Amino acid sequence: MKRVTRLAIVVAVLLGVSAFLASMIMVIYPGAFKLTAPVLCPDDLPDPVVVEYTVETSDGQGINFTLFCVGDRGVFTEVGTWRPLLLLTLYVAGALLVVMVGLAGFGMVKAAFGTRSGGSPPPAAPTPEDASPLIS
């Protein structure tokens, strides 16, 4: 049971961090939605276009980004914002998972072959006899 709880916490943190990073990527570079087009756009509408438009809110103005898939003759379909953002979150989660597995693998290799370059053991801790007096 403890292992399942730990795994659930790791997955929840991974998805939370991924959702945050995907949101920041969307705000900084909305064109990242185009990375999701091969999955979300139908075959007959292959060209992705990210449209930015301003909306009026109770607090003033807001900006929305929407992915459209466009065909040869100007035919288009709106994919929206949430599906590309969810898929972008999964892309980021996959990238973070690869990094985590790589770092874990690096840590296992490092532990197997020693922690210092050259294989020398770490220096011994100082003893009280090695210490110099504080007051001369």
Foldseek 3Di string as FASTA:
>chain_A
DVVVVVVVVVVVVLLVVLLVVLVVCCVVPVCVLLVCQVPQPDPQQRDKDWDWDWDQDPVGIDIAIWIWGAHDVRDIDTSGDVVSSVVSSVVSSVVVVVVVVVVVVVVVVCVVQDVDPPSDHDDDDDDPVPDDDPPD
